[in-house]
Amino acid sequence: MSTRRLRHAALLAAATLICGAAPALADPAAPASAESPAAPQQSQQPQPEQQPQQPQQKAEPSKAADPAPDLALAVTPLPDKVSLVEGQSFTVSAKITNKGTAEAKGIKGAVESVSGATFEVRAWSDGLNAPLAPNTARDVVLTAKLTKPTADKGELRIVVQGDGDATANDNAQTLTVPIIQPTKTGAVGGVVYTDKDNSATFQDGEGFADVTVTVSGPRVPSREAKTDAKGKFEIAGLPAGWYEVSTPPQLAGGWVVAGKTAVAVDGSDAAKKLELRATRPLTDGLLVSAKFNEGPYKPGDTANLTVSLTNNGPSEAKNLVAICDIDAAVHLAGTEKPANWGELATDGPGVTLKAGEARTLQVKGTVPDAAIEQGVVFVYCELRDKNSSSTAGNPFIFTLAKVPGKNGTGSGTFFHDKNENDELDGEPGVGALPVTLLDPLNGNAIGSATTGADGTFRFADIPAGWYIPVLKGPWKLKKNEFLVVGTGEIGQDQLIPLLRGPLRADLDSGTPPTAPPASNDTADNQSQNRTLASTGANVIGLTIGGVAALLLGVAAVLFTRKRRRG
């Protein structure tokens, strides 16, 4: 080695000793890395004499994975010996587990048809979408429907998903469903009976003759049969499937049947042993009424009402709840809440009245903002047994109160309903007809007008409200209904059918209309659980609380509800 190289090596060794940078003195906790020097290697190349010493650095520790949810699904197989038919709904029990380290949110469930049939989600139990904490599980129930079977066994894939799920390999389970093919046939049969002793079971002598029974299923739109003298019926030759069995909601003598019965035609005798029960309508003995305790109101006010129930029938009236037309823009808000309507609320426990018992309940709600546009707030509710699906023979309550503050317009046509179908289909308007509007809450005349030659009318710049039209001349209202005066398009283009001739004495009840005006707006015609708009039940036993005496002599006829603008 040259003298120059020896001198250079000696200088480097001295610098190492002076600076204390020997590898044996390094921090033992510092891992070796590109930034931390390893054991010195003897250089093969001469180093520049002025090269600065690199500072020693510690490596940053590796970061832990961010917390994340991790959902897993377990499904309980269907019970042994269970076979389904086309159109049948079924339930599946499942457990959702969050194996992750963070809360699972946005949980959703789905069903995928794999083979053998088509499967549809009908509903998931409450709580599916609620957040799920780490290392916890939740039991849920899926309701699905089998359609379009193509094999004796079907497979469906049940899936759950959540926001930010760490893994998806355990989020799904496949379920096998045994199927009875539609090639197998069977019958629907049984008895229709009048439950005279209120025992809820068929007894000899209770058979109801000459009742039309209708069945409908996935491959049979409609088949009918008449009950015989003992109330028996049978409809045979039906492809295996899920069938709805029904009768008219109201039978001869006022008896009512509660909704439809569902049954599986699967080749067994079960579908031939149905008992379709007819009972007396609630209106036979249950009297109901309601009235606002205050008024006039303004939007946003809390309105208090008194609801009176009297059971004059021979047996208990059970589990009574109010099913109200809450989708109507000016219906009192909050009638479905137990905090407002207590036991009577749609979601409440229900009121039970013994025979001969009467009760008075104090309830409340909020006047909606839209009420000022029509000048009124109203309550219109069907009282029914919450455990019954009866669509006929239930009493209604109806009452309204003023919400003054705006003027409006009412317009439309009075026409001669020659074919009595409530439709203006080429029939003539009734011209030169004097019409006076009465306020149903105090009997005062609000305004008068005379129809044009084509029967059209227009009441303009008068207080918004629902009014009773009183006619002069040889014409009468076909039905007792309100004429609406409102703001904007509310109350425009109303069609009011008339019949020729003087008012019959038996229709001169001296009462105002017994239900709110219907509307062409489908949203306003849908009830809270879609029953009021679809049942077509007769409106019996309605009251308007305390105003009938003011309106003696006002023309009135029985009300039959129909959709109409306003």
Protein backbone atom coordinates (compact mmCIF):
# COMPACT_ATOMS: atom_id res chain seq x y z
CA MET A 1 0.00 0.00 0.00
CA SER A 2 1.33 3.44 -0.83
CA THR A 3 2.37 5.94 1.81
CA ARG A 4 -0.50 8.21 0.74
CA ARG A 5 -3.10 5.44 1.20
CA LEU A 6 -1.74 4.50 4.61
CA ARG A 7 -1.95 8.10 5.77
CA HIS A 8 -5.58 8.32 4.56
CA ALA A 9 -6.63 5.16 6.38
CA ALA A 10 -5.07 6.33 9.59
CA LEU A 11 -6.96 9.61 9.41
CA LEU A 12 -10.28 7.78 8.93
CA ALA A 13 -9.65 5.50 11.90
CA ALA A 14 -8.79 8.46 14.10
CA ALA A 15 -11.95 10.28 13.07
CA THR A 16 -14.01 7.22 13.94
CA LEU A 17 -12.57 7.02 17.44
CA ILE A 18 -12.97 10.73 18.12
CA CYS A 19 -16.65 10.83 16.97
CA GLY A 20 -17.66 7.69 18.91
CA ALA A 21 -19.48 6.22 15.85
CA ALA A 22 -18.27 2.68 16.21
CA PRO A 23 -21.03 0.09 15.40
CA ALA A 24 -20.77 -1.42 18.92
CA LEU A 25 -22.07 1.87 20.40
CA ALA A 26 -25.14 2.16 18.16
CA ASP A 27 -28.67 2.24 19.71
CA PRO A 28 -29.77 -1.43 19.93
CA ALA A 29 -33.43 -0.47 19.52
CA ALA A 30 -32.86 1.04 16.09
CA PRO A 31 -33.51 -1.54 13.36
CA ALA A 32 -31.20 -1.75 10.44
CA SER A 33 -32.54 0.19 7.47
CA ALA A 34 -31.46 2.34 4.59
CA GLU A 35 -31.36 5.21 7.07
CA SER A 36 -29.46 3.34 9.88
CA PRO A 37 -25.84 2.20 9.10
CA ALA A 38 -24.95 -1.46 9.26
CA ALA A 39 -21.44 -2.81 10.22
CA PRO A 40 -18.73 -0.87 8.38
CA GLN A 41 -17.44 -2.43 5.23
CA GLN A 42 -13.86 -1.92 4.11
CA SER A 43 -13.97 0.40 1.19
CA GLN A 44 -12.69 -0.79 -2.16
CA GLN A 45 -12.47 2.79 -3.39
CA PRO A 46 -10.70 5.73 -1.76
CA GLN A 47 -13.10 8.04 0.06
CA PRO A 48 -12.96 11.78 -0.36
CA GLU A 49 -11.12 13.32 2.54
CA GLN A 50 -13.88 15.92 3.17
CA GLN A 51 -16.98 13.54 3.03
CA PRO A 52 -19.38 14.51 5.91
CA GLN A 53 -20.54 11.91 8.39
CA GLN A 54 -24.24 10.83 7.77
CA PRO A 55 -26.38 11.36 10.92
CA GLN A 56 -27.80 8.23 12.50
CA GLN A 57 -31.70 7.96 12.26
CA LYS A 58 -34.30 5.63 13.75
CA ALA A 59 -36.84 3.90 11.43
CA GLU A 60 -40.56 4.67 12.06
CA PRO A 61 -42.49 1.66 13.42
CA SER A 62 -45.02 0.05 11.01
CA LYS A 63 -48.62 1.34 11.36
CA ALA A 64 -51.49 -0.93 12.54
CA ALA A 65 -54.40 -1.48 10.12
CA ASP A 66 -57.24 1.07 10.38
CA PRO A 67 -60.34 -0.14 12.29
CA ALA A 68 -62.96 -1.60 9.93
CA PRO A 69 -66.21 -3.59 10.20
CA ASP A 70 -66.31 -7.17 8.98
CA LEU A 71 -69.76 -8.71 8.52
CA ALA A 72 -70.52 -12.43 8.45
CA LEU A 73 -73.86 -14.16 7.78
CA ALA A 74 -75.22 -17.45 9.08
CA VAL A 75 -78.59 -18.81 7.86
CA THR A 76 -80.81 -21.42 9.52
CA PRO A 77 -82.01 -24.11 7.06
CA LEU A 78 -85.76 -24.50 6.53
CA PRO A 79 -87.45 -27.07 8.78
CA ASP A 80 -87.58 -30.65 7.59
CA LYS A 81 -90.61 -31.70 5.55
CA VAL A 82 -91.34 -28.11 4.48
CA SER A 83 -92.16 -27.78 0.79
CA LEU A 84 -93.31 -24.54 -0.79
CA VAL A 85 -95.68 -23.77 -3.64
CA GLU A 86 -95.66 -21.09 -6.29
CA GLY A 87 -96.57 -17.67 -4.91
CA GLN A 88 -95.94 -18.65 -1.29
CA SER A 89 -94.03 -16.41 1.11
CA PHE A 90 -91.72 -17.93 3.70
CA THR A 91 -89.40 -16.76 6.46
CA VAL A 92 -85.70 -17.40 6.96
CA SER A 93 -83.91 -16.92 10.28
CA ALA A 94 -80.40 -15.49 10.01
CA LYS A 95 -77.64 -14.12 12.24
CA ILE A 96 -75.45 -11.18 11.25
CA THR A 97 -72.13 -10.92 13.10
CA ASN A 98 -69.67 -8.03 13.02
CA LYS A 99 -66.23 -9.65 13.45
CA GLY A 100 -64.43 -6.40 12.74
CA THR A 101 -62.87 -3.69 14.89
CA ALA A 102 -65.25 -0.86 13.94
CA GLU A 103 -69.03 -0.33 14.02
CA ALA A 104 -70.85 -1.66 10.95
CA LYS A 105 -73.16 0.87 9.33
CA GLY A 106 -75.43 0.98 6.28
CA ILE A 107 -76.24 -2.72 6.52
CA LYS A 108 -78.42 -3.96 3.66
CA GLY A 109 -79.78 -7.36 2.71
CA ALA A 110 -80.55 -8.90 -0.66
CA VAL A 111 -81.67 -12.16 -2.25
CA GLU A 112 -80.27 -13.64 -5.46
CA SER A 113 -82.06 -16.45 -7.31
CA VAL A 114 -79.59 -19.22 -8.08
CA SER A 115 -81.63 -22.06 -9.57
CA GLY A 116 -84.95 -23.88 -9.57
CA ALA A 117 -87.21 -20.81 -9.12
CA THR A 118 -87.27 -17.07 -8.80
CA PHE A 119 -87.13 -15.64 -5.27
CA GLU A 120 -88.11 -12.14 -4.21
CA VAL A 121 -87.51 -10.17 -1.02
CA ARG A 122 -90.77 -9.24 0.69
CA ALA A 123 -89.35 -7.74 3.89
CA TRP A 124 -86.54 -7.81 6.44
CA SER A 125 -87.29 -7.60 10.13
CA ASP A 126 -86.80 -4.32 11.95
CA GLY A 127 -83.22 -3.62 12.95
CA LEU A 128 -81.46 -4.89 9.84
CA ASN A 129 -80.13 -1.43 8.98
CA ALA A 130 -79.24 -0.38 12.52
CA PRO A 131 -75.51 0.01 13.32
CA LEU A 132 -73.82 -3.13 14.70
CA ALA A 133 -70.99 -2.77 17.22
CA PRO A 134 -67.72 -4.73 16.86
CA ASN A 135 -67.79 -8.35 18.08
CA THR A 136 -71.57 -8.40 18.38
CA ALA A 137 -74.32 -10.28 16.53
CA ARG A 138 -77.94 -9.66 15.62
CA ASP A 139 -80.75 -12.06 14.72
CA VAL A 140 -82.86 -11.01 11.75
CA VAL A 141 -85.71 -12.54 9.78
CA LEU A 142 -86.06 -12.41 6.01
CA THR A 143 -89.46 -12.82 4.38
CA ALA A 144 -89.12 -13.98 0.79
CA LYS A 145 -91.51 -15.16 -1.91
CA LEU A 146 -91.16 -18.08 -4.31
CA THR A 147 -92.26 -17.44 -7.91
CA LYS A 148 -91.86 -19.19 -11.26
CA PRO A 149 -90.71 -22.64 -10.09
CA THR A 150 -88.84 -24.74 -12.65
CA ALA A 151 -87.54 -27.66 -10.54
CA ASP A 152 -88.32 -29.69 -7.43
CA LYS A 153 -85.66 -27.77 -5.51
CA GLY A 154 -84.71 -24.12 -5.64
CA GLU A 155 -81.62 -22.33 -4.41
CA LEU A 156 -81.39 -18.73 -3.30
CA ARG A 157 -78.35 -16.79 -2.17
CA ILE A 158 -78.88 -14.48 0.81
CA VAL A 159 -76.42 -11.59 1.08
CA VAL A 160 -75.71 -8.85 3.61
CA GLN A 161 -73.46 -5.85 2.96
CA GLY A 162 -72.27 -2.87 4.95
CA ASP A 163 -70.25 0.29 4.44
CA GLY A 164 -66.50 -0.37 4.43
CA ASP A 165 -66.82 -4.10 5.03
CA ALA A 166 -63.30 -5.57 5.39
CA THR A 167 -64.02 -8.88 3.66
CA ALA A 168 -66.90 -10.22 1.60
CA ASN A 169 -66.13 -13.94 1.50
CA ASP A 170 -68.48 -14.75 4.42
CA ASN A 171 -71.30 -12.28 3.66
CA ALA A 172 -73.51 -14.75 1.78
CA GLN A 173 -75.21 -18.10 2.35
CA THR A 174 -77.06 -20.38 -0.05
CA LEU A 175 -80.40 -21.89 1.04
CA THR A 176 -82.12 -24.90 -0.55
CA VAL A 177 -85.94 -24.80 -0.82
CA PRO A 178 -88.03 -27.91 -1.64
CA ILE A 179 -90.79 -27.07 -4.15
CA ILE A 180 -94.12 -28.67 -5.08
CA GLN A 181 -94.50 -28.23 -8.81
CA PRO A 182 -97.70 -26.69 -10.32
CA THR A 183 -98.22 -29.94 -12.21
CA LYS A 184 -99.67 -31.33 -8.98
CA THR A 185 -103.32 -30.34 -8.43
CA GLY A 186 -105.66 -29.98 -5.48
CA ALA A 187 -108.81 -28.26 -4.22
CA VAL A 188 -109.95 -25.39 -2.02
CA GLY A 189 -113.08 -25.97 0.04
CA GLY A 190 -114.77 -25.50 3.38
CA VAL A 191 -117.73 -23.64 4.84
CA VAL A 192 -119.00 -20.08 5.14
CA TYR A 193 -120.85 -19.59 8.42
CA THR A 194 -122.59 -16.93 10.48
CA ASP A 195 -121.02 -16.89 13.92
CA LYS A 196 -124.30 -16.37 15.76
CA ASP A 197 -122.95 -17.43 19.15
CA ASN A 198 -119.70 -15.44 18.71
CA SER A 199 -117.65 -18.57 19.44
CA ALA A 200 -115.30 -18.14 16.45
CA THR A 201 -115.95 -21.77 15.47
CA PHE A 202 -118.45 -23.33 13.08
CA GLN A 203 -121.51 -24.91 14.70
CA ASP A 204 -124.31 -26.93 13.14
CA GLY A 205 -127.00 -24.68 11.72
CA GLU A 206 -124.65 -21.72 11.10
CA GLY A 207 -123.89 -22.48 7.44
CA PHE A 208 -124.47 -19.51 5.11
CA ALA A 209 -126.09 -20.54 1.84
CA ASP A 210 -125.76 -18.97 -1.61
CA VAL A 211 -122.52 -17.06 -0.91
CA THR A 212 -120.11 -16.57 -3.82
CA VAL A 213 -116.61 -17.75 -2.90
CA THR A 214 -113.72 -16.69 -5.14
CA VAL A 215 -110.22 -18.18 -5.29
CA SER A 216 -107.28 -16.67 -7.14
CA GLY A 217 -103.69 -17.82 -7.45
CA PRO A 218 -100.54 -17.48 -9.57
CA ARG A 219 -101.92 -19.55 -12.45
CA VAL A 220 -105.65 -19.11 -11.81
CA PRO A 221 -106.77 -15.46 -11.96
CA SER A 222 -110.25 -16.29 -10.64
CA ARG A 223 -112.50 -19.29 -9.97
CA GLU A 224 -115.89 -19.10 -8.23
CA ALA A 225 -118.32 -21.38 -6.45
CA LYS A 226 -121.59 -20.93 -4.54
CA THR A 227 -122.11 -22.32 -1.06
CA ASP A 228 -124.81 -24.95 -0.73
CA ALA A 229 -127.69 -25.01 1.75
CA LYS A 230 -125.26 -25.93 4.56
CA GLY A 231 -122.69 -23.29 3.62
CA LYS A 232 -120.30 -25.81 2.02
CA PHE A 233 -118.20 -25.13 -1.09
CA GLU A 234 -115.34 -26.72 -3.04
CA ILE A 235 -113.30 -25.67 -6.08
CA ALA A 236 -111.22 -28.52 -7.50
CA GLY A 237 -108.57 -28.96 -10.19
CA LEU A 238 -106.33 -26.13 -9.01
CA PRO A 239 -102.59 -26.21 -9.85
CA ALA A 240 -100.41 -26.33 -6.74
CA GLY A 241 -99.86 -22.77 -5.57
CA TRP A 242 -100.68 -20.12 -3.01
CA TYR A 243 -104.33 -18.98 -3.23
CA GLU A 244 -106.42 -16.16 -1.82
CA VAL A 245 -109.97 -17.14 -0.86
CA SER A 246 -112.60 -14.41 -0.48
CA THR A 247 -116.30 -13.60 -0.32
CA PRO A 248 -118.04 -10.26 -0.77
CA PRO A 249 -117.12 -8.13 2.29
CA GLN A 250 -120.77 -7.64 3.21
CA LEU A 251 -123.30 -10.45 2.94
CA ALA A 252 -127.09 -10.64 3.07
CA GLY A 253 -128.55 -9.42 6.33
CA GLY A 254 -125.61 -7.12 7.02
CA TRP A 255 -123.17 -9.89 7.99
CA VAL A 256 -119.52 -9.06 7.25
CA VAL A 257 -116.53 -11.25 6.43
CA ALA A 258 -113.06 -10.19 7.51
CA GLY A 259 -110.90 -9.85 4.42
CA LYS A 260 -109.26 -12.70 2.50
CA THR A 261 -107.95 -16.07 3.61
CA ALA A 262 -104.68 -17.40 2.19
CA VAL A 263 -104.03 -21.12 1.75
CA ALA A 264 -101.52 -23.43 0.03
CA VAL A 265 -102.90 -25.94 -2.46
CA ASP A 266 -100.27 -28.65 -2.12
CA GLY A 267 -102.18 -31.91 -2.54
CA SER A 268 -103.11 -32.21 1.14
CA ASP A 269 -106.60 -31.92 2.63
CA ALA A 270 -105.81 -28.77 4.65
CA ALA A 271 -107.00 -26.44 1.89
CA LYS A 272 -110.40 -28.20 1.86
CA LYS A 273 -111.19 -27.48 5.53
CA LEU A 274 -111.48 -23.69 5.55
CA GLU A 275 -113.95 -21.93 7.83
CA LEU A 276 -114.88 -18.47 6.55
CA ARG A 277 -116.48 -16.61 9.46
CA ALA A 278 -119.18 -13.95 9.06
CA THR A 279 -119.89 -11.67 12.04
CA ARG A 280 -122.21 -8.82 12.84
CA PRO A 281 -120.81 -5.42 11.85
CA LEU A 282 -119.41 -3.12 14.52
CA THR A 283 -121.96 -0.53 13.43
CA ASP A 284 -124.72 -2.74 14.85
CA GLY A 285 -123.85 -1.56 18.32
CA LEU A 286 -120.82 0.75 18.33
CA LEU A 287 -121.61 4.47 18.25
CA VAL A 288 -118.70 6.87 17.74
CA SER A 289 -118.33 10.63 17.48
CA ALA A 290 -115.67 13.30 17.77
CA LYS A 291 -115.54 17.06 18.14
CA PHE A 292 -112.85 19.71 18.30
CA ASN A 293 -112.70 21.35 21.73
CA GLU A 294 -111.45 24.71 20.44
CA GLY A 295 -111.27 26.67 17.20
CA PRO A 296 -110.86 28.50 15.00
CA TYR A 297 -107.24 27.40 14.64
CA LYS A 298 -104.16 28.56 12.81
CA PRO A 299 -101.45 26.36 11.23
CA GLY A 300 -99.18 24.80 13.82
CA ASP A 301 -101.73 24.93 16.64
CA THR A 302 -102.29 21.95 18.90
CA ALA A 303 -105.95 20.95 18.52
CA ASN A 304 -107.67 18.99 21.28
CA LEU A 305 -110.62 16.71 20.57
CA THR A 306 -113.13 14.66 22.51
CA VAL A 307 -113.83 11.20 21.10
CA SER A 308 -116.91 9.37 22.43
CA LEU A 309 -117.42 5.61 22.11
CA THR A 310 -120.53 3.71 23.18
CA ASN A 311 -120.99 -0.04 22.82
CA ASN A 312 -124.71 -0.82 22.58
CA GLY A 313 -124.04 -4.27 21.17
CA PRO A 314 -124.48 -7.63 22.92
CA SER A 315 -120.76 -8.47 23.09
CA GLU A 316 -117.40 -6.82 23.61
CA ALA A 317 -115.95 -4.48 21.00
CA LYS A 318 -112.27 -5.38 21.16
CA ASN A 319 -108.94 -3.75 20.33
CA LEU A 320 -110.42 -0.65 18.68
CA VAL A 321 -107.94 1.63 16.93
CA ALA A 322 -108.36 4.60 14.61
CA ILE A 323 -107.27 4.23 10.96
CA CYS A 324 -107.19 7.81 9.70
CA ASP A 325 -106.87 9.57 6.33
CA ILE A 326 -103.56 11.12 7.39
CA ASP A 327 -102.23 11.53 3.85
CA ALA A 328 -104.86 14.17 3.12
CA ALA A 329 -103.21 17.60 3.14
CA VAL A 330 -105.54 19.16 5.73
CA HIS A 331 -106.12 16.17 8.02
CA LEU A 332 -105.06 16.68 11.62
CA ALA A 333 -101.49 15.43 12.01
CA GLY A 334 -100.44 12.91 14.64
CA THR A 335 -103.51 10.70 14.95
CA GLU A 336 -101.36 7.58 14.50
CA LYS A 337 -99.15 8.37 17.52
CA PRO A 338 -99.93 6.89 20.96
CA ALA A 339 -98.55 10.09 22.50
CA ASN A 340 -101.46 11.94 20.84
CA TRP A 341 -104.30 9.42 20.62
CA GLY A 342 -103.36 7.00 23.37
CA GLU A 343 -105.03 3.58 23.16
CA LEU A 344 -106.94 4.64 20.03
CA ALA A 345 -103.84 5.47 18.00
CA THR A 346 -103.24 3.23 15.02
CA ASP A 347 -100.02 2.03 16.65
CA GLY A 348 -101.60 1.91 20.11
CA PRO A 349 -102.87 -1.09 22.11
CA GLY A 350 -106.54 -0.52 21.24
CA VAL A 351 -109.65 0.20 23.30
CA THR A 352 -111.94 -2.60 24.47
CA LEU A 353 -115.53 -1.83 25.48
CA LYS A 354 -117.75 -4.28 27.28
CA ALA A 355 -121.37 -4.56 26.24
CA GLY A 356 -123.16 -1.45 27.44
CA GLU A 357 -119.94 0.42 28.23
CA ALA A 358 -119.23 4.00 27.14
CA ARG A 359 -115.93 5.88 27.17
CA THR A 360 -114.82 9.42 26.44
CA LEU A 361 -111.21 9.99 25.41
CA GLN A 362 -109.24 13.22 25.07
CA VAL A 363 -106.91 13.21 22.07
CA LYS A 364 -104.87 15.81 20.21
CA GLY A 365 -102.96 16.60 17.04
CA THR A 366 -101.29 19.39 15.09
CA VAL A 367 -103.04 21.64 12.56
CA PRO A 368 -101.10 21.27 9.27
CA ASP A 369 -99.77 24.29 7.38
CA ALA A 370 -101.90 23.43 4.33
CA ALA A 371 -105.12 23.84 6.32
CA ILE A 372 -105.20 27.59 5.74
CA GLU A 373 -105.39 26.95 1.97
CA GLN A 374 -108.77 25.20 2.39
CA GLY A 375 -109.96 27.05 5.48
CA VAL A 376 -110.47 23.86 7.52
CA VAL A 377 -108.74 21.10 9.43
CA PHE A 378 -110.56 17.77 9.74
CA VAL A 379 -110.43 14.29 11.26
CA TYR A 380 -111.78 11.27 9.36
CA CYS A 381 -111.04 7.88 10.92
CA GLU A 382 -112.34 4.35 10.69
CA LEU A 383 -112.68 2.53 14.01
CA ARG A 384 -111.80 -1.14 13.70
CA ASP A 385 -110.50 -4.12 15.61
CA LYS A 386 -106.72 -3.95 15.09
CA ASN A 387 -106.60 -7.75 14.87
CA SER A 388 -109.27 -7.94 12.17
CA SER A 389 -109.00 -7.31 8.45
CA SER A 390 -112.70 -6.53 8.06
CA THR A 391 -113.30 -3.86 5.45
CA ALA A 392 -117.04 -3.42 5.95
CA GLY A 393 -119.37 -2.54 8.78
CA ASN A 394 -116.92 -0.41 10.74
CA PRO A 395 -117.98 3.00 12.09
CA PHE A 396 -116.22 6.24 11.18
CA ILE A 397 -115.69 9.52 12.97
CA PHE A 398 -115.66 12.79 11.06
CA THR A 399 -115.38 16.34 12.31
CA LEU A 400 -113.86 19.61 11.13
CA ALA A 401 -112.93 23.06 12.39
CA LYS A 402 -112.16 26.45 10.86
CA VAL A 403 -108.68 27.65 9.92
CA PRO A 404 -109.48 31.17 8.64
CA GLY A 405 -107.17 33.62 6.96
CA LYS A 406 -107.38 33.32 3.16
CA ASN A 407 -109.96 33.89 0.47
CA GLY A 408 -110.31 31.52 -2.43
CA THR A 409 -112.33 30.30 -5.40
CA GLY A 410 -114.57 27.31 -6.07
CA SER A 411 -115.58 26.36 -9.61
CA GLY A 412 -117.00 23.48 -11.59
CA THR A 413 -120.19 22.14 -13.12
CA PHE A 414 -123.57 21.01 -11.84
CA PHE A 415 -124.81 18.38 -14.31
CA HIS A 416 -127.83 16.11 -14.76
CA ASP A 417 -126.51 12.63 -14.01
CA LYS A 418 -129.02 10.79 -16.21
CA ASN A 419 -127.32 7.41 -16.02
CA GLU A 420 -126.44 7.91 -12.34
CA ASN A 421 -122.82 6.87 -12.72
CA ASP A 422 -121.40 10.05 -11.16
CA GLU A 423 -119.54 10.83 -14.39
CA LEU A 424 -120.05 13.74 -16.76
CA ASP A 425 -120.15 11.76 -20.01
CA GLY A 426 -122.01 13.89 -22.52
CA GLU A 427 -124.84 14.81 -20.14
CA PRO A 428 -126.13 18.37 -19.99
CA GLY A 429 -125.13 20.89 -17.38
CA VAL A 430 -127.94 22.40 -15.32
CA GLY A 431 -128.12 26.08 -16.30
CA ALA A 432 -129.67 29.05 -14.54
CA LEU A 433 -129.57 27.24 -11.21
CA PRO A 434 -129.40 29.45 -8.09
CA VAL A 435 -126.93 28.04 -5.53
CA THR A 436 -126.24 29.27 -2.01
CA LEU A 437 -123.28 28.12 0.08
CA LEU A 438 -123.82 27.46 3.78
CA ASP A 439 -121.07 27.20 6.39
CA PRO A 440 -121.50 23.75 8.03
CA LEU A 441 -120.12 25.01 11.35
CA ASN A 442 -122.60 27.82 11.96
CA GLY A 443 -125.25 27.58 9.22
CA ASN A 444 -124.45 31.06 7.83
CA ALA A 445 -124.85 31.80 4.12
CA ILE A 446 -121.39 32.63 2.71
CA GLY A 447 -122.22 33.42 -0.90
CA SER A 448 -124.63 32.87 -3.79
CA ALA A 449 -124.25 32.37 -7.52
CA THR A 450 -126.26 31.24 -10.55
CA THR A 451 -124.89 28.64 -12.94
CA GLY A 452 -124.24 29.48 -16.56
CA ALA A 453 -126.18 27.97 -19.43
CA ASP A 454 -123.81 24.98 -19.44
CA GLY A 455 -124.12 24.40 -15.69
CA THR A 456 -120.77 25.90 -14.78
CA PHE A 457 -120.37 27.88 -11.57
CA ARG A 458 -117.75 30.05 -9.94
CA PHE A 459 -117.61 31.38 -6.37
CA ALA A 460 -114.76 33.86 -6.14
CA ASP A 461 -113.06 35.88 -3.39
CA ILE A 462 -114.89 34.30 -0.47
CA PRO A 463 -113.32 32.73 2.64
CA ALA A 464 -111.68 29.39 1.87
CA GLY A 465 -113.67 26.50 3.29
CA TRP A 466 -115.88 23.45 2.75
CA TYR A 467 -119.49 24.50 2.17
CA ILE A 468 -122.90 22.91 1.73
CA PRO A 469 -124.53 23.83 -1.63
CA VAL A 470 -128.25 24.55 -1.29
CA LEU A 471 -130.20 24.54 -4.58
CA LYS A 472 -133.38 26.21 -5.74
CA GLY A 473 -135.66 24.74 -8.37
CA PRO A 474 -136.64 21.19 -9.39
CA TRP A 475 -133.17 19.72 -8.74
CA LYS A 476 -131.56 17.84 -5.89
CA LEU A 477 -128.04 16.77 -5.06
CA LYS A 478 -127.47 13.14 -5.89
CA LYS A 479 -125.27 12.84 -2.82
CA ASN A 480 -124.53 14.97 0.17
CA GLU A 481 -121.09 16.44 -0.49
CA PHE A 482 -119.09 19.57 0.14
CA LEU A 483 -118.39 22.26 -2.40
CA VAL A 484 -114.78 23.32 -1.82
CA VAL A 485 -113.46 26.87 -1.97
CA GLY A 486 -109.68 27.05 -1.83
CA THR A 487 -106.53 28.81 -3.01
CA GLY A 488 -104.60 28.02 -6.18
CA GLU A 489 -106.00 24.95 -7.95
CA ILE A 490 -107.76 23.66 -4.85
CA GLY A 491 -111.52 23.56 -5.42
CA GLN A 492 -111.32 24.00 -9.19
CA ASP A 493 -113.23 21.94 -11.79
CA GLN A 494 -115.53 20.15 -9.34
CA LEU A 495 -118.20 17.93 -10.88
CA ILE A 496 -121.43 17.78 -8.85
CA PRO A 497 -124.13 15.34 -10.08
CA LEU A 498 -127.79 16.31 -9.75
CA LEU A 499 -131.04 14.43 -10.10
CA ARG A 500 -134.34 15.91 -11.23
CA GLY A 501 -137.22 16.21 -8.79
CA PRO A 502 -137.99 17.52 -5.32
CA LEU A 503 -136.01 16.31 -2.34
CA ARG A 504 -137.45 13.11 -0.89
CA ALA A 505 -138.56 13.41 2.70
CA ASP A 506 -136.69 10.26 3.69
CA LEU A 507 -133.41 11.87 2.59
CA ASP A 508 -134.00 15.17 4.35
CA SER A 509 -131.85 14.24 7.36
CA GLY A 510 -130.99 17.78 8.34
CA THR A 511 -127.31 16.90 8.65
CA PRO A 512 -124.23 18.16 6.83
CA PRO A 513 -122.03 15.89 4.67
CA THR A 514 -120.74 12.91 6.56
CA ALA A 515 -117.25 12.65 5.06
CA PRO A 516 -114.60 14.97 3.63
CA PRO A 517 -114.62 15.81 -0.06
CA ALA A 518 -112.60 13.40 -2.16
CA SER A 519 -109.72 14.58 -4.32
CA ASN A 520 -108.28 13.77 -7.72
CA ASP A 521 -104.88 13.94 -6.07
CA THR A 522 -104.14 10.28 -5.40
CA ALA A 523 -101.77 11.16 -2.58
CA ASP A 524 -104.61 12.88 -0.74
CA ASN A 525 -106.86 9.86 -1.19
CA GLN A 526 -104.55 7.29 0.33
CA SER A 527 -105.11 6.46 3.95
CA GLN A 528 -102.48 5.73 6.50
CA ASN A 529 -102.47 2.00 5.86
CA ARG A 530 -104.17 2.16 2.45
CA THR A 531 -107.50 0.94 3.80
CA LEU A 532 -109.76 3.97 3.54
CA ALA A 533 -109.01 4.53 -0.12
CA SER A 534 -109.36 0.92 -1.18
CA THR A 535 -112.06 -0.75 0.88
CA GLY A 536 -115.13 0.92 -0.59
CA ALA A 537 -116.82 0.37 2.77
CA ASN A 538 -120.16 2.05 3.35
CA VAL A 539 -119.84 5.18 5.43
CA ILE A 540 -122.19 4.43 8.29
CA GLY A 541 -122.49 6.06 11.66
CA LEU A 542 -120.50 9.21 10.81
CA THR A 543 -121.06 12.34 12.84
CA ILE A 544 -119.93 15.91 12.64
CA GLY A 545 -120.35 16.73 16.31
CA GLY A 546 -122.80 19.42 17.33
CA VAL A 547 -123.75 21.08 14.05
CA ALA A 548 -126.75 19.08 12.85
CA ALA A 549 -129.23 21.26 14.73
CA LEU A 550 -127.98 24.32 12.87
CA LEU A 551 -128.77 22.83 9.49
CA LEU A 552 -132.34 21.59 9.72
CA GLY A 553 -133.91 21.83 6.31
CA VAL A 554 -130.60 21.66 4.43
CA ALA A 555 -130.74 19.17 1.58
CA ALA A 556 -128.75 16.04 2.32
CA VAL A 557 -128.52 12.57 0.87
CA LEU A 558 -126.57 9.48 1.81
CA PHE A 559 -122.89 9.85 1.04
CA THR A 560 -121.03 7.55 -1.36
CA ARG A 561 -117.39 8.48 -1.56
CA LYS A 562 -115.87 9.31 -4.95
CA ARG A 563 -112.57 10.85 -6.02
CA ARG A 564 -113.03 14.46 -6.97
CA ARG A 565 -110.77 17.47 -7.32
CA GLY A 566 -110.43 19.59 -4.20
